[in-house]
């Protein structure tokens, strides 16, 4: 594609009238460690009970935005899964201890 002199002049005029630099939002603002200090506990809290209390403190009428309510649900589900895993692991440990005791008693009977 070729331009004639008239078109090139028009393009140069448009170019001169354009702003030099556009202010674009920074993409990596969340990765900046200084911005994490400025976030509200509602956005950073990982304990479901504390998060609930914070939500009630910042909500004058008890209404919670959907995205924060969903965040609370996710944290509660994660916390429940961890607690159930701990119970399962503790039960397995008790089972292991019981099995070891049973096995030892069998060995003792065989020796006698």
Protein backbone atom coordinates (compact mmCIF):
# COMPACT_ATOMS: atom_id res chain seq x y z
CA UNK A 1 0.00 0.00 0.00
CA UNK A 2 1.34 3.39 -0.86
CA UNK A 3 0.41 6.80 0.45
CA UNK A 4 0.50 10.08 -1.39
CA UNK A 5 1.99 13.22 0.15
CA UNK A 6 -1.39 14.53 1.24
CA UNK A 7 -2.21 11.32 3.17
CA UNK A 8 1.21 11.25 4.79
CA UNK A 9 0.76 14.83 6.01
CA UNK A 10 -2.65 13.98 7.48
CA UNK A 11 -1.20 10.98 9.28
CA UNK A 12 1.67 13.06 10.66
CA UNK A 13 -0.80 15.68 11.95
CA UNK A 14 -2.85 13.00 13.65
CA UNK A 15 0.31 11.54 15.15
CA UNK A 16 1.31 14.95 16.57
CA UNK A 17 -2.11 15.39 18.17
CA UNK A 18 -2.07 12.00 19.87
CA UNK A 19 -1.03 11.87 23.53
CA UNK A 20 2.59 10.91 24.03
CA UNK A 21 1.98 8.16 26.56
CA UNK A 22 -1.20 6.55 27.76
CA UNK A 23 -1.54 5.84 31.46
CA UNK A 24 -2.23 2.13 31.60
CA UNK A 25 -3.02 0.33 34.84
CA UNK A 26 -0.19 -1.75 36.14
CA UNK A 27 -0.79 -5.46 35.68
CA UNK A 28 1.46 -6.59 38.53
CA UNK A 29 0.06 -4.43 41.32
CA UNK A 30 -0.96 -7.48 43.37
CA UNK A 31 2.49 -9.01 43.18
CA UNK A 32 4.02 -5.89 44.70
CA UNK A 33 4.70 -6.64 48.38
CA UNK A 34 3.83 -3.07 49.39
CA UNK A 35 0.28 -3.40 48.08
CA UNK A 36 -0.35 -6.46 50.27
CA UNK A 37 0.17 -4.27 53.34
CA UNK A 38 -2.61 -1.96 52.17
CA UNK A 39 -5.25 -4.65 51.69
CA UNK A 40 -8.05 -5.02 54.17
CA UNK A 41 -8.19 -8.08 56.45
CA UNK A 42 -11.42 -9.08 54.67
CA UNK A 43 -9.31 -9.74 51.57
CA UNK A 44 -6.45 -11.54 53.29
CA UNK A 45 -7.90 -13.43 56.28
CA UNK A 46 -7.66 -17.24 56.02
CA UNK A 47 -9.45 -18.22 59.25
CA UNK A 48 -13.20 -18.55 58.51
CA UNK A 49 -14.28 -17.39 61.97
CA UNK A 50 -12.08 -14.30 61.87
CA UNK A 51 -13.18 -13.55 58.31
CA UNK A 52 -16.83 -13.75 59.35
CA UNK A 53 -16.19 -11.32 62.20
CA UNK A 54 -14.37 -8.93 59.87
CA UNK A 55 -17.24 -9.10 57.37
CA UNK A 56 -19.71 -8.23 60.09
CA UNK A 57 -17.51 -5.37 61.28
CA UNK A 58 -17.30 -3.77 57.83
CA UNK A 59 -20.94 -4.35 56.94
CA UNK A 60 -23.21 -1.78 58.60
CA UNK A 61 -26.44 -3.63 57.72
CA UNK A 62 -25.21 -7.25 57.67
CA UNK A 63 -25.26 -7.50 53.88
CA UNK A 64 -22.12 -9.00 52.40
CA UNK A 65 -21.12 -8.67 48.73
CA UNK A 66 -21.42 -11.92 46.80
CA UNK A 67 -17.70 -12.22 46.02
CA UNK A 68 -16.79 -11.91 49.72
CA UNK A 69 -19.51 -14.35 50.73
CA UNK A 70 -18.19 -16.83 48.15
CA UNK A 71 -14.68 -16.31 49.54
CA UNK A 72 -15.95 -17.14 53.03
CA UNK A 73 -17.60 -20.33 51.71
CA UNK A 74 -14.38 -21.41 49.97
CA UNK A 75 -12.30 -20.84 53.09
CA UNK A 76 -14.83 -22.72 55.24
CA UNK A 77 -14.83 -25.67 52.82
CA UNK A 78 -11.05 -25.76 52.76
CA UNK A 79 -10.94 -25.61 56.56
CA UNK A 80 -13.49 -28.45 56.86
CA UNK A 81 -11.47 -30.60 54.45
CA UNK A 82 -8.31 -30.04 56.46
CA UNK A 83 -10.05 -30.88 59.73
CA UNK A 84 -11.61 -34.03 58.27
CA UNK A 85 -8.22 -35.09 56.90
CA UNK A 86 -6.70 -34.61 60.35
CA UNK A 87 -9.45 -36.72 61.94
CA UNK A 88 -8.96 -39.40 59.28
CA UNK A 89 -5.21 -39.41 59.83
CA UNK A 90 -5.63 -39.60 63.60
CA UNK A 91 -8.08 -42.49 63.24
CA UNK A 92 -5.66 -44.29 60.95
CA UNK A 93 -2.90 -43.76 63.49
CA UNK A 94 -5.13 -45.28 66.20
CA UNK A 95 -5.88 -48.19 63.89
CA UNK A 96 -2.18 -48.68 63.27
CA UNK A 97 -1.48 -48.70 67.00
CA UNK A 98 -4.29 -51.19 67.57
CA UNK A 99 -3.00 -53.43 64.79
CA UNK A 100 0.54 -53.30 66.14
CA UNK A 101 -0.71 -54.21 69.61
CA UNK A 102 -2.73 -57.09 68.17
CA UNK A 103 0.22 -58.33 66.14
CA UNK A 104 2.48 -58.19 69.21
CA UNK A 105 0.00 -60.16 71.26
CA UNK A 106 -0.17 -62.81 68.51
CA UNK A 107 3.61 -63.04 68.44
CA UNK A 108 3.70 -63.40 72.21
CA UNK A 109 1.16 -66.23 72.04
CA UNK A 110 3.21 -68.01 69.39
CA UNK A 111 6.33 -67.82 71.56
CA UNK A 112 4.53 -69.38 74.53
